[in-house]
Amino acid sequence: MISKRFYRLIALWVLAETFLGGLLHAFRIPLAGVFIACFSALFISLIYTVTGSSKKVLHATVIVLIFKMILSPHAPLGAFLSVALQGGFGAIALAAIPSTKTARMLVTVFAYLQSATLKLISLTILFGMGFWEALDEFMLSIVSYFPFFATILSAKNLVLAYLGIYLLSGVIAGWMIGRVTLNPVKINLDIEVKNGRIAKKKGSLLQSEWLLIAGLSAVYFVPIFPDSFREMCLRAAIILTAWHLIFGPLLKKALFRILGIRKSSLLREILLIESILPELRENLSRSWQIASTQNLMRRIPFFVKTWLQMSL
């Protein structure tokens, strides 16, 4: 059913942006944008496939931005701009290009290059910085992010290598996304793991987040970690606690009140998607456990495929 898949795809996109994206950025995973851009391009493409409407893609983008505001308010403004640009470009390209594979390739490459140059775009569009000044800041940020390679390569070559990795990854991901279909394919969810069958995790989304906060807090008291890392974990735990106890409920209440006044149908859609999120997050966890039985090269594609099949 199209409407069911439409909302579940939006929920998957929300999880990729808020949960997966948040984890990758919180722990400063190198080239995190490679993974986030892949999920964005995939879900934008599939939303257009199940609806055939660029307006629905834009509508989904707005909903994802609302959830990002609710679940990840600490995200930089550039992250919100990134979602808006990717959703807007996807809506235009998928409607304008007859070939599905070509359109998906273009959407994916755009998402990757936009993600790679997000800091440059943010400094110029959001903060009004001159292009050349912003370019200098962009290059310095890449050099500081990869200090080891900065001792081997010049700043210019390091930036070119950085962009080249994103471009090549985008082409590979675009080719794979172009082949994705939503035909129902049975998968074996009874895959054995080393010490027995995969057990379904218990507990809600909220319980998992409190466990994460507890873990981050505990790291601060482990002296073997560097001071900077311990302070970063403690700061993240304080921010998450303040958000869950104070700021999150207040912002959510205010936002839902505004949405309820202005457009009750949008509020109903948001509440529907919110009710789906715990199930899809559970599917995410189970899918990753199942994919862990695969070799390193196949693990990520198998994980994404399994997550989609379990969730749709």
C-alpha atoms as a PDB file:
ATOM      1  CA  MET A   1       0.000   0.000   0.000  1.00  0.00           C
ATOM      2  CA  ILE A   2       1.504   3.294  -1.162  1.00  0.00           C
ATOM      3  CA  SER A   3       0.470   5.433   1.802  1.00  0.00           C
ATOM      4  CA  LYS A   4       1.861   2.913   4.286  1.00  0.00           C
ATOM      5  CA  ARG A   5       5.195   2.703   2.489  1.00  0.00           C
ATOM      6  CA  PHE A   6       5.298   6.484   2.096  1.00  0.00           C
ATOM      7  CA  TYR A   7       5.146   7.108   5.833  1.00  0.00           C
ATOM      8  CA  ARG A   8       7.457   4.228   6.686  1.00  0.00           C
ATOM      9  CA  LEU A   9      10.056   5.525   4.229  1.00  0.00           C
ATOM     10  CA  ILE A  10       9.826   8.951   5.854  1.00  0.00           C
ATOM     11  CA  ALA A  11      10.331   7.299   9.249  1.00  0.00           C
ATOM     12  CA  LEU A  12      13.393   5.470   7.920  1.00  0.00           C
ATOM     13  CA  TRP A  13      14.783   8.762   6.612  1.00  0.00           C
ATOM     14  CA  VAL A  14      14.142  10.378  10.005  1.00  0.00           C
ATOM     15  CA  LEU A  15      16.074   7.606  11.764  1.00  0.00           C
ATOM     16  CA  ALA A  16      18.972   7.870   9.331  1.00  0.00           C
ATOM     17  CA  GLU A  17      19.201  11.637   9.837  1.00  0.00           C
ATOM     18  CA  THR A  18      18.705  11.790  13.594  1.00  0.00           C
ATOM     19  CA  PHE A  19      19.881   8.504  15.098  1.00  0.00           C
ATOM     20  CA  LEU A  20      22.558   7.253  12.700  1.00  0.00           C
ATOM     21  CA  GLY A  21      23.690  10.747  11.758  1.00  0.00           C
ATOM     22  CA  GLY A  22      23.806  11.789  15.398  1.00  0.00           C
ATOM     23  CA  LEU A  23      25.963   8.817  16.385  1.00  0.00           C
ATOM     24  CA  LEU A  24      28.394   9.307  13.509  1.00  0.00           C
ATOM     25  CA  HIS A  25      28.836  13.006  14.234  1.00  0.00           C
ATOM     26  CA  ALA A  26      28.949  12.606  18.020  1.00  0.00           C
ATOM     27  CA  PHE A  27      31.911  10.262  17.783  1.00  0.00           C
ATOM     28  CA  ARG A  28      33.502  12.220  14.927  1.00  0.00           C
ATOM     29  CA  ILE A  29      33.545   9.248  12.566  1.00  0.00           C
ATOM     30  CA  PRO A  30      35.716  10.203   9.564  1.00  0.00           C
ATOM     31  CA  LEU A  31      33.757  10.813   6.367  1.00  0.00           C
ATOM     32  CA  ALA A  32      30.433  10.412   8.198  1.00  0.00           C
ATOM     33  CA  GLY A  33      28.697  12.222   5.351  1.00  0.00           C
ATOM     34  CA  VAL A  34      29.407   9.254   3.072  1.00  0.00           C
ATOM     35  CA  PHE A  35      26.936   7.136   5.044  1.00  0.00           C
ATOM     36  CA  ILE A  36      24.333   9.826   5.742  1.00  0.00           C
ATOM     37  CA  ALA A  37      24.218  10.987   2.110  1.00  0.00           C
ATOM     38  CA  CYS A  38      23.690   7.404   0.965  1.00  0.00           C
ATOM     39  CA  PHE A  39      20.617   6.966   3.152  1.00  0.00           C
ATOM     40  CA  SER A  40      19.204  10.367   2.171  1.00  0.00           C
ATOM     41  CA  ALA A  41      19.538   9.653  -1.544  1.00  0.00           C
ATOM     42  CA  LEU A  42      18.071   6.166  -1.112  1.00  0.00           C
ATOM     43  CA  PHE A  43      14.981   7.266   0.794  1.00  0.00           C
ATOM     44  CA  ILE A  44      14.361  10.320  -1.400  1.00  0.00           C
ATOM     45  CA  SER A  45      14.513   8.071  -4.475  1.00  0.00           C
ATOM     46  CA  LEU A  46      12.199   5.445  -2.988  1.00  0.00           C
ATOM     47  CA  ILE A  47       9.694   8.031  -1.767  1.00  0.00           C
ATOM     48  CA  TYR A  48       9.406   9.302  -5.335  1.00  0.00           C
ATOM     49  CA  THR A  49       9.101   5.722  -6.610  1.00  0.00           C
ATOM     50  CA  VAL A  50       6.157   4.860  -4.348  1.00  0.00           C
ATOM     51  CA  THR A  51       4.347   8.182  -4.866  1.00  0.00           C
ATOM     52  CA  GLY A  52       5.402   9.369  -8.336  1.00  0.00           C
ATOM     53  CA  SER A  53       5.093  12.911  -7.022  1.00  0.00           C
ATOM     54  CA  SER A  54       7.762  15.556  -6.496  1.00  0.00           C
ATOM     55  CA  LYS A  55       5.343  17.339  -4.154  1.00  0.00           C
ATOM     56  CA  LYS A  56       5.312  14.267  -1.914  1.00  0.00           C
ATOM     57  CA  VAL A  57       9.117  14.323  -1.818  1.00  0.00           C
ATOM     58  CA  LEU A  58       9.032  17.966  -0.718  1.00  0.00           C
ATOM     59  CA  HIS A  59       6.319  17.141   1.821  1.00  0.00           C
ATOM     60  CA  ALA A  60       8.464  14.320   3.197  1.00  0.00           C
ATOM     61  CA  THR A  61      11.435  16.694   3.397  1.00  0.00           C
ATOM     62  CA  VAL A  62       9.431  19.114   5.540  1.00  0.00           C
ATOM     63  CA  ILE A  63       8.418  16.295   7.904  1.00  0.00           C
ATOM     64  CA  VAL A  64      12.030  15.109   8.221  1.00  0.00           C
ATOM     65  CA  LEU A  65      13.122  18.666   9.035  1.00  0.00           C
ATOM     66  CA  ILE A  66      10.460  18.896  11.751  1.00  0.00           C
ATOM     67  CA  PHE A  67      11.629  15.633  13.301  1.00  0.00           C
ATOM     68  CA  LYS A  68      15.238  16.748  13.046  1.00  0.00           C
ATOM     69  CA  MET A  69      14.284  19.890  14.946  1.00  0.00           C
ATOM     70  CA  ILE A  70      12.548  17.797  17.619  1.00  0.00           C
ATOM     71  CA  LEU A  71      15.096  14.981  17.948  1.00  0.00           C
ATOM     72  CA  SER A  72      18.356  16.759  17.047  1.00  0.00           C
ATOM     73  CA  PRO A  73      17.970  20.448  17.911  1.00  0.00           C
ATOM     74  CA  HIS A  74      21.677  20.599  18.733  1.00  0.00           C
ATOM     75  CA  ALA A  75      22.530  19.845  15.086  1.00  0.00           C
ATOM     76  CA  PRO A  76      24.197  22.753  13.263  1.00  0.00           C
ATOM     77  CA  LEU A  77      22.125  24.878  10.907  1.00  0.00           C
ATOM     78  CA  GLY A  78      24.052  23.399   8.011  1.00  0.00           C
ATOM     79  CA  ALA A  79      22.587  19.968   8.738  1.00  0.00           C
ATOM     80  CA  PHE A  80      19.062  21.348   8.275  1.00  0.00           C
ATOM     81  CA  LEU A  81      20.142  23.132   5.100  1.00  0.00           C
ATOM     82  CA  SER A  82      21.608  19.855   3.844  1.00  0.00           C
ATOM     83  CA  VAL A  83      18.299  17.991   4.233  1.00  0.00           C
ATOM     84  CA  ALA A  84      16.422  20.815   2.520  1.00  0.00           C
ATOM     85  CA  LEU A  85      18.836  20.983  -0.435  1.00  0.00           C
ATOM     86  CA  GLN A  86      18.910  17.220  -0.941  1.00  0.00           C
ATOM     87  CA  GLY A  87      15.131  16.900  -0.744  1.00  0.00           C
ATOM     88  CA  GLY A  88      14.561  19.873  -3.044  1.00  0.00           C
ATOM     89  CA  PHE A  89      17.079  18.726  -5.644  1.00  0.00           C
ATOM     90  CA  GLY A  90      15.745  15.169  -5.480  1.00  0.00           C
ATOM     91  CA  ALA A  91      12.184  16.341  -6.098  1.00  0.00           C
ATOM     92  CA  ILE A  92      13.281  18.280  -9.190  1.00  0.00           C
ATOM     93  CA  ALA A  93      15.698  15.733 -10.661  1.00  0.00           C
ATOM     94  CA  LEU A  94      13.509  12.660 -10.185  1.00  0.00           C
ATOM     95  CA  ALA A  95      10.546  14.381 -11.840  1.00  0.00           C
ATOM     96  CA  ALA A  96      12.563  15.895 -14.698  1.00  0.00           C
ATOM     97  CA  ILE A  97      14.652  12.885 -15.774  1.00  0.00           C
ATOM     98  CA  PRO A  98      12.731   9.979 -17.381  1.00  0.00           C
ATOM     99  CA  SER A  99      15.388   7.350 -16.652  1.00  0.00           C
ATOM    100  CA  THR A 100      15.040   6.148 -13.064  1.00  0.00           C
ATOM    101  CA  LYS A 101      18.632   4.931 -12.835  1.00  0.00           C
ATOM    102  CA  THR A 102      20.050   8.164 -14.259  1.00  0.00           C
ATOM    103  CA  ALA A 103      17.897  10.300 -11.983  1.00  0.00           C
ATOM    104  CA  ARG A 104      18.870   8.311  -8.903  1.00  0.00           C
ATOM    105  CA  MET A 105      22.537   8.504  -9.865  1.00  0.00           C
ATOM    106  CA  LEU A 106      22.298  12.288 -10.192  1.00  0.00           C
ATOM    107  CA  VAL A 107      20.449  12.635  -6.877  1.00  0.00           C
ATOM    108  CA  THR A 108      23.022  10.463  -5.105  1.00  0.00           C
ATOM    109  CA  VAL A 109      26.077  12.235  -6.528  1.00  0.00           C
ATOM    110  CA  PHE A 110      24.522  15.592  -5.633  1.00  0.00           C
ATOM    111  CA  ALA A 111      23.850  14.399  -2.071  1.00  0.00           C
ATOM    112  CA  TYR A 112      27.451  13.244  -1.694  1.00  0.00           C
ATOM    113  CA  LEU A 113      29.057  16.384  -3.122  1.00  0.00           C
ATOM    114  CA  GLN A 114      26.686  18.610  -1.178  1.00  0.00           C
ATOM    115  CA  SER A 115      27.546  16.713   1.998  1.00  0.00           C
ATOM    116  CA  ALA A 116      31.271  17.026   1.261  1.00  0.00           C
ATOM    117  CA  THR A 117      31.030  20.791   0.753  1.00  0.00           C
ATOM    118  CA  LEU A 118      28.442  21.429   3.484  1.00  0.00           C
ATOM    119  CA  LYS A 119      30.756  23.650   5.534  1.00  0.00           C
ATOM    120  CA  LEU A 120      31.563  25.775   2.484  1.00  0.00           C
ATOM    121  CA  ILE A 121      27.875  26.103   1.573  1.00  0.00           C
ATOM    122  CA  SER A 122      26.887  26.897   5.160  1.00  0.00           C
ATOM    123  CA  LEU A 123      29.513  29.614   5.566  1.00  0.00           C
ATOM    124  CA  THR A 124      28.462  31.362   2.360  1.00  0.00           C
ATOM    125  CA  ILE A 125      24.670  30.931   2.416  1.00  0.00           C
ATOM    126  CA  LEU A 126      23.873  30.898   6.141  1.00  0.00           C
ATOM    127  CA  PHE A 127      26.620  33.130   7.519  1.00  0.00           C
ATOM    128  CA  GLY A 128      27.187  35.430   4.551  1.00  0.00           C
ATOM    129  CA  MET A 129      30.936  34.864   4.407  1.00  0.00           C
ATOM    130  CA  GLY A 130      32.750  35.693   1.173  1.00  0.00           C
ATOM    131  CA  PHE A 131      33.460  32.723  -1.067  1.00  0.00           C
ATOM    132  CA  TRP A 132      37.267  32.842  -0.898  1.00  0.00           C
ATOM    133  CA  GLU A 133      37.286  33.380   2.850  1.00  0.00           C
ATOM    134  CA  ALA A 134      34.825  30.498   3.254  1.00  0.00           C
ATOM    135  CA  LEU A 135      36.996  28.343   0.993  1.00  0.00           C
ATOM    136  CA  ASP A 136      40.005  28.974   3.245  1.00  0.00           C
ATOM    137  CA  GLU A 137      37.955  27.947   6.294  1.00  0.00           C
ATOM    138  CA  PHE A 138      36.707  24.872   4.446  1.00  0.00           C
ATOM    139  CA  MET A 139      40.249  23.778   3.563  1.00  0.00           C
ATOM    140  CA  LEU A 140      41.491  24.388   7.113  1.00  0.00           C
ATOM    141  CA  SER A 141      38.654  22.288   8.538  1.00  0.00           C
ATOM    142  CA  ILE A 142      39.606  19.336   6.330  1.00  0.00           C
ATOM    143  CA  VAL A 143      43.293  19.657   7.227  1.00  0.00           C
ATOM    144  CA  SER A 144      42.441  19.740  10.953  1.00  0.00           C
ATOM    145  CA  TYR A 145      40.130  16.746  10.540  1.00  0.00           C
ATOM    146  CA  PHE A 146      42.879  14.617   8.962  1.00  0.00           C
ATOM    147  CA  PRO A 147      46.081  15.798  10.674  1.00  0.00           C
ATOM    148  CA  PHE A 148      48.047  12.665   9.750  1.00  0.00           C
ATOM    149  CA  PHE A 149      47.426  13.019   6.020  1.00  0.00           C
ATOM    150  CA  ALA A 150      48.144  16.749   6.265  1.00  0.00           C
ATOM    151  CA  THR A 151      51.772  15.843   6.974  1.00  0.00           C
ATOM    152  CA  ILE A 152      51.934  13.869   3.725  1.00  0.00           C
ATOM    153  CA  LEU A 153      49.785  15.879   1.309  1.00  0.00           C
ATOM    154  CA  SER A 154      49.509  19.582   0.655  1.00  0.00           C
ATOM    155  CA  ALA A 155      46.272  21.266   1.729  1.00  0.00           C
ATOM    156  CA  LYS A 156      45.127  21.491  -1.890  1.00  0.00           C
ATOM    157  CA  ASN A 157      45.794  17.822  -2.629  1.00  0.00           C
ATOM    158  CA  LEU A 158      44.178  16.755   0.639  1.00  0.00           C
ATOM    159  CA  VAL A 159      41.002  18.664  -0.229  1.00  0.00           C
ATOM    160  CA  LEU A 160      40.992  17.194  -3.746  1.00  0.00           C
ATOM    161  CA  ALA A 161      41.432  13.695  -2.309  1.00  0.00           C
ATOM    162  CA  TYR A 162      38.604  14.372   0.159  1.00  0.00           C
ATOM    163  CA  LEU A 163      36.265  15.506  -2.618  1.00  0.00           C
ATOM    164  CA  GLY A 164      37.398  12.625  -4.817  1.00  0.00           C
ATOM    165  CA  ILE A 165      36.460  10.086  -2.139  1.00  0.00           C
ATOM    166  CA  TYR A 166      32.992  11.600  -1.872  1.00  0.00           C
ATOM    167  CA  LEU A 167      32.557  11.700  -5.653  1.00  0.00           C
ATOM    168  CA  LEU A 168      33.685   8.101  -6.158  1.00  0.00           C
ATOM    169  CA  SER A 169      31.542   6.932  -3.236  1.00  0.00           C
ATOM    170  CA  GLY A 170      28.584   8.827  -4.694  1.00  0.00           C
ATOM    171  CA  VAL A 171      28.953   7.149  -8.082  1.00  0.00           C
ATOM    172  CA  ILE A 172      29.181   3.685  -6.502  1.00  0.00           C
ATOM    173  CA  ALA A 173      26.227   4.356  -4.186  1.00  0.00           C
ATOM    174  CA  GLY A 174      24.235   5.862  -7.069  1.00  0.00           C
ATOM    175  CA  TRP A 175      24.781   2.743  -9.160  1.00  0.00           C
ATOM    176  CA  MET A 176      23.587   0.558  -6.274  1.00  0.00           C
ATOM    177  CA  ILE A 177      20.584   2.775  -5.446  1.00  0.00           C
ATOM    178  CA  GLY A 178      19.600   2.734  -9.121  1.00  0.00           C
ATOM    179  CA  ARG A 179      19.126  -1.026  -8.876  1.00  0.00           C
ATOM    180  CA  VAL A 180      16.966  -0.973  -5.727  1.00  0.00           C
ATOM    181  CA  THR A 181      13.374  -2.123  -6.118  1.00  0.00           C
ATOM    182  CA  LEU A 182      10.563  -2.477  -3.617  1.00  0.00           C
ATOM    183  CA  ASN A 183       9.332  -5.841  -4.817  1.00  0.00           C
ATOM    184  CA  PRO A 184       8.644  -8.095  -1.824  1.00  0.00           C
ATOM    185  CA  VAL A 185      11.509 -10.543  -1.419  1.00  0.00           C
ATOM    186  CA  LYS A 186      11.507 -13.041   1.409  1.00  0.00           C
ATOM    187  CA  ILE A 187      14.528 -13.023   3.670  1.00  0.00           C
ATOM    188  CA  ASN A 188      15.561 -15.490   6.307  1.00  0.00           C
ATOM    189  CA  LEU A 189      15.393 -13.767   9.672  1.00  0.00           C
ATOM    190  CA  ASP A 190      16.399 -16.948  11.492  1.00  0.00           C
ATOM    191  CA  ILE A 191      20.070 -16.604  10.606  1.00  0.00           C
ATOM    192  CA  GLU A 192      22.275 -18.213  13.226  1.00  0.00           C
ATOM    193  CA  VAL A 193      24.885 -16.169  15.019  1.00  0.00           C
ATOM    194  CA  LYS A 194      27.959 -17.635  16.716  1.00  0.00           C
ATOM    195  CA  ASN A 195      26.363 -18.390  20.076  1.00  0.00           C
ATOM    196  CA  GLY A 196      22.778 -19.004  19.034  1.00  0.00           C
ATOM    197  CA  ARG A 197      19.915 -17.268  17.341  1.00  0.00           C
ATOM    198  CA  ILE A 198      19.602 -13.519  17.228  1.00  0.00           C
ATOM    199  CA  ALA A 199      17.495 -12.378  20.165  1.00  0.00           C
ATOM    200  CA  LYS A 200      15.138  -9.505  19.729  1.00  0.00           C
ATOM    201  CA  LYS A 201      16.168  -6.555  21.852  1.00  0.00           C
ATOM    202  CA  LYS A 202      13.740  -5.396  24.481  1.00  0.00           C
ATOM    203  CA  GLY A 203      13.138  -1.907  25.634  1.00  0.00           C
ATOM    204  CA  SER A 204      11.876   1.225  24.063  1.00  0.00           C
ATOM    205  CA  LEU A 205      13.671   3.932  22.144  1.00  0.00           C
ATOM    206  CA  LEU A 206      13.752   6.067  25.269  1.00  0.00           C
ATOM    207  CA  GLN A 207      15.386   3.327  27.339  1.00  0.00           C
ATOM    208  CA  SER A 208      18.132   2.941  24.739  1.00  0.00           C
ATOM    209  CA  GLU A 209      18.835   6.655  24.815  1.00  0.00           C
ATOM    210  CA  TRP A 210      19.122   6.672  28.614  1.00  0.00           C
ATOM    211  CA  LEU A 211      21.570   3.777  28.369  1.00  0.00           C
ATOM    212  CA  LEU A 212      23.600   5.833  25.905  1.00  0.00           C
ATOM    213  CA  ILE A 213      23.603   8.781  28.329  1.00  0.00           C
ATOM    214  CA  ALA A 214      24.711   6.493  31.172  1.00  0.00           C
ATOM    215  CA  GLY A 215      27.498   5.090  29.014  1.00  0.00           C
ATOM    216  CA  LEU A 216      28.734   8.536  28.014  1.00  0.00           C
ATOM    217  CA  SER A 217      28.708   9.634  31.658  1.00  0.00           C
ATOM    218  CA  ALA A 218      30.651   6.547  32.730  1.00  0.00           C
ATOM    219  CA  VAL A 219      33.398   7.240  30.188  1.00  0.00           C
ATOM    220  CA  TYR A 220      34.227  10.479  32.011  1.00  0.00           C
ATOM    221  CA  PHE A 221      35.316   8.497  35.077  1.00  0.00           C
ATOM    222  CA  VAL A 222      37.612   6.132  33.149  1.00  0.00           C
ATOM    223  CA  PRO A 223      41.115   7.641  33.350  1.00  0.00           C
ATOM    224  CA  ILE A 224      42.582   5.611  30.480  1.00  0.00           C
ATOM    225  CA  PHE A 225      40.745   7.788  27.939  1.00  0.00           C
ATOM    226  CA  PRO A 226      42.224  11.162  26.903  1.00  0.00           C
ATOM    227  CA  ASP A 227      40.896  14.169  28.828  1.00  0.00           C
ATOM    228  CA  SER A 228      39.471  15.776  25.688  1.00  0.00           C
ATOM    229  CA  PHE A 229      37.481  12.639  24.841  1.00  0.00           C
ATOM    230  CA  ARG A 230      36.194  12.288  28.414  1.00  0.00           C
ATOM    231  CA  GLU A 231      35.091  15.932  28.470  1.00  0.00           C
ATOM    232  CA  MET A 232      33.371  15.518  25.100  1.00  0.00           C
ATOM    233  CA  CYS A 233      31.435  12.487  26.372  1.00  0.00           C
ATOM    234  CA  LEU A 234      30.396  14.278  29.571  1.00  0.00           C
ATOM    235  CA  ARG A 235      29.282  17.328  27.603  1.00  0.00           C
ATOM    236  CA  ALA A 236      27.242  15.124  25.270  1.00  0.00           C
ATOM    237  CA  ALA A 237      25.625  13.373  28.268  1.00  0.00           C
ATOM    238  CA  ILE A 238      24.691  16.716  29.877  1.00  0.00           C
ATOM    239  CA  ILE A 239      23.221  18.054  26.627  1.00  0.00           C
ATOM    240  CA  LEU A 240      21.205  14.882  26.008  1.00  0.00           C
ATOM    241  CA  THR A 241      19.916  14.819  29.597  1.00  0.00           C
ATOM    242  CA  ALA A 242      18.877  18.476  29.483  1.00  0.00           C
ATOM    243  CA  TRP A 243      17.196  17.872  26.153  1.00  0.00           C
ATOM    244  CA  HIS A 244      15.195  14.826  27.273  1.00  0.00           C
ATOM    245  CA  LEU A 245      14.118  16.290  30.610  1.00  0.00           C
ATOM    246  CA  ILE A 246      13.556  19.974  29.825  1.00  0.00           C
ATOM    247  CA  PHE A 247      14.039  21.399  26.358  1.00  0.00           C
ATOM    248  CA  GLY A 248      12.746  18.477  24.285  1.00  0.00           C
ATOM    249  CA  PRO A 249       9.306  18.235  25.908  1.00  0.00           C
ATOM    250  CA  LEU A 250       8.885  22.032  25.840  1.00  0.00           C
ATOM    251  CA  LEU A 251       9.844  22.356  22.171  1.00  0.00           C
ATOM    252  CA  LYS A 252       7.750  19.342  21.188  1.00  0.00           C
ATOM    253  CA  LYS A 253       4.704  20.698  23.009  1.00  0.00           C
ATOM    254  CA  ALA A 254       5.089  24.150  21.439  1.00  0.00           C
ATOM    255  CA  LEU A 255       5.687  22.746  17.961  1.00  0.00           C
ATOM    256  CA  PHE A 256       2.727  20.375  18.140  1.00  0.00           C
ATOM    257  CA  ARG A 257       0.525  23.227  19.348  1.00  0.00           C
ATOM    258  CA  ILE A 258       1.554  25.332  16.345  1.00  0.00           C
ATOM    259  CA  LEU A 259       1.020  22.426  13.957  1.00  0.00           C
ATOM    260  CA  GLY A 260      -2.333  21.611  15.537  1.00  0.00           C
ATOM    261  CA  ILE A 261      -3.493  25.170  14.992  1.00  0.00           C
ATOM    262  CA  ARG A 262      -2.186  25.599  11.470  1.00  0.00           C
ATOM    263  CA  LYS A 263      -2.581  22.193   9.882  1.00  0.00           C
ATOM    264  CA  SER A 264      -4.097  19.289  11.767  1.00  0.00           C
ATOM    265  CA  SER A 265      -3.405  16.819   8.925  1.00  0.00           C
ATOM    266  CA  LEU A 266       0.347  17.452   9.201  1.00  0.00           C
ATOM    267  CA  LEU A 267       0.164  16.904  12.954  1.00  0.00           C
ATOM    268  CA  ARG A 268      -1.587  13.564  12.404  1.00  0.00           C
ATOM    269  CA  GLU A 269       1.151  12.520   9.975  1.00  0.00           C
ATOM    270  CA  ILE A 270       3.866  13.439  12.465  1.00  0.00           C
ATOM    271  CA  LEU A 271       2.161  11.491  15.249  1.00  0.00           C
ATOM    272  CA  LEU A 272       1.790   8.492  12.922  1.00  0.00           C
ATOM    273  CA  ILE A 273       5.475   8.542  11.990  1.00  0.00           C
ATOM    274  CA  GLU A 274       6.457   9.013  15.628  1.00  0.00           C
ATOM    275  CA  SER A 275       4.549   5.835  16.509  1.00  0.00           C
ATOM    276  CA  ILE A 276       6.477   3.893  13.838  1.00  0.00           C
ATOM    277  CA  LEU A 277       9.977   4.951  14.920  1.00  0.00           C
ATOM    278  CA  PRO A 278      10.524   2.457  17.796  1.00  0.00           C
ATOM    279  CA  GLU A 279       9.673  -0.497  15.552  1.00  0.00           C
ATOM    280  CA  LEU A 280      11.986   0.687  12.775  1.00  0.00           C
ATOM    281  CA  ARG A 281      14.786   1.324  15.214  1.00  0.00           C
ATOM    282  CA  GLU A 282      14.381  -2.224  16.497  1.00  0.00           C
ATOM    283  CA  ASN A 283      14.532  -3.408  12.887  1.00  0.00           C
ATOM    284  CA  LEU A 284      17.726  -1.391  12.444  1.00  0.00           C
ATOM    285  CA  SER A 285      19.360  -3.158  15.376  1.00  0.00           C
ATOM    286  CA  ARG A 286      18.275  -6.617  14.216  1.00  0.00           C
ATOM    287  CA  SER A 287      19.344  -5.895  10.639  1.00  0.00           C
ATOM    288  CA  TRP A 288      22.832  -4.913  11.768  1.00  0.00           C
ATOM    289  CA  GLN A 289      23.117  -8.103  13.816  1.00  0.00           C
ATOM    290  CA  ILE A 290      22.034 -10.171  10.827  1.00  0.00           C
ATOM    291  CA  ALA A 291      24.459  -8.320   8.539  1.00  0.00           C
ATOM    292  CA  SER A 292      27.320  -9.031  10.946  1.00  0.00           C
ATOM    293  CA  THR A 293      27.369 -12.578   9.577  1.00  0.00           C
ATOM    294  CA  GLN A 294      28.451 -11.228   6.173  1.00  0.00           C
ATOM    295  CA  ASN A 295      31.994 -10.415   5.092  1.00  0.00           C
ATOM    296  CA  LEU A 296      33.199  -6.813   5.394  1.00  0.00           C
ATOM    297  CA  MET A 297      32.552  -5.861   1.755  1.00  0.00           C
ATOM    298  CA  ARG A 298      28.954  -7.108   1.744  1.00  0.00           C
ATOM    299  CA  ARG A 299      28.004  -6.043   5.254  1.00  0.00           C
ATOM    300  CA  ILE A 300      26.734  -2.488   4.614  1.00  0.00           C
ATOM    301  CA  PRO A 301      24.696  -3.288   1.433  1.00  0.00           C
ATOM    302  CA  PHE A 302      23.247  -6.384   3.119  1.00  0.00           C
ATOM    303  CA  PHE A 303      22.363  -4.347   6.220  1.00  0.00           C
ATOM    304  CA  VAL A 304      20.527  -1.685   4.182  1.00  0.00           C
ATOM    305  CA  LYS A 305      18.687  -4.303   2.120  1.00  0.00           C
ATOM    306  CA  THR A 306      17.640  -6.246   5.221  1.00  0.00           C
ATOM    307  CA  TRP A 307      16.534  -3.098   7.062  1.00  0.00           C
ATOM    308  CA  LEU A 308      14.351  -2.090   4.115  1.00  0.00           C
ATOM    309  CA  GLN A 309      12.795  -5.523   3.724  1.00  0.00           C
ATOM    310  CA  MET A 310      12.031  -5.813   7.423  1.00  0.00           C
ATOM    311  CA  SER A 311      10.580  -2.302   7.632  1.00  0.00           C
ATOM    312  CA  LEU A 312       8.523  -2.063   4.450  1.00  0.00           C
END
